[in-house]
Every structure is written in C-alpha cells, then in structure tokens.
Amino acid sequence: MTQEDFQAAAAYWEEKDAHSVKMEPASLKKAIEEYILSNNTCALATGVGTYIRCTPIEYSYHDGCFWMFTEGGKKFVGLEQNSNVCLAIFDRYEGFGALHGMQVMGKAKLVEPFSEQYCAHADFKKIPLSALQKLQSPMHLLCVRPERIDYLCSDFKKQGFSSRQTLVLA
C-alpha cells in the first residue's frame, strides 16, 4: 500500500460518519452505558514508543469510569510513561446484522492503594479491605476516564440511525 492508500483507509470512518444519521447524545450515552454494564471484560491496550500491550481484564463501571483491579503485569510498561489507553468491549461475531462492540479511548490513572477512592471501589466490588491488606504485594487499581467512545451496534439501524455512533466526553 502507498502512503495515500493508508491515509484513505484511516479516513474511512471519518468520511462515512460525516454523512451518517446520528443519535441524540443523551440516548447514545444511555445505550452505551447499558452495553458497558451488560459486560465485565475488556481488552485494555497500553503502550509507549514501539511497545504495545493488549490485556484482557475484568472491569467495573461506575461514576463514568472503568475500574480495574490488577496484580500488575506488562501493561504497566506503557502506563508508566503514557496515560493514554484504549479498551475494547465486544460480542462474539454472529454476522453483520448482529454487531455489538465498542472502542473506548481515554486516560488511565493509578489509584493510591487504600486511599478513599481505592477503598470505595473495593466496597463496590464487595472485596473486604482485610483481604486486600493481607496480600504480599498490593493490588493495583486502574481508573480509566473515557474521552471518546465509538460504538458499533446493528440494532441502531432498526431505529433509523447509523450502526456506528461516536460519543465524545468532556
């Protein structure tokens, strides 16, 4: 492929979205949150320079953010220098008429172990603090604040909208 071919491929959705039938933001946000809450596992991509890592990980969603307890791992190579992350949630592919999946771009931050936020999330997950305190090394807590969500949902077409919708968050 030439550079122009790559650029044209990269611009595909921007051009298609420019002419798409968009949902009202409040309705889209409601649909997005319903899908997020109907799942609990995502693929979290982190990276820096030429290093990229994509990790399947359980999440919780509340207060407009994704929350993930993690022992550690190579995802921290990227997180140390780059707070920009992308996570994907998706259903098994069953055909074009049944597509459901989203990409979430946002900023990740580490929550200080046993801080007020950390303890509140442990309570949300119904994890006793005593169990977390007994661990040899602390369980890390990642918080991802979404900035942009691209949601692909075939059901939107039945409602008269384009199947791909984008929500940009402040």
Foldseek 3Di string as FASTA:
>chain_A
DDPVVVVCVVCVVVVVVVPWFADDQVVVVVVVVVVPQVDFWKWKWFDDDPDIHTHIFGWDDDPQKTKGWAPDDPSVVRVVPAQWMKIKDFDPDPDPLFGWMKIFIFGKDKDPPPDPVNVVVCVVVVHDVVVQVPDPDHTIMMITRTQKMWIAGSVVVVVVTHRIHMDGDD
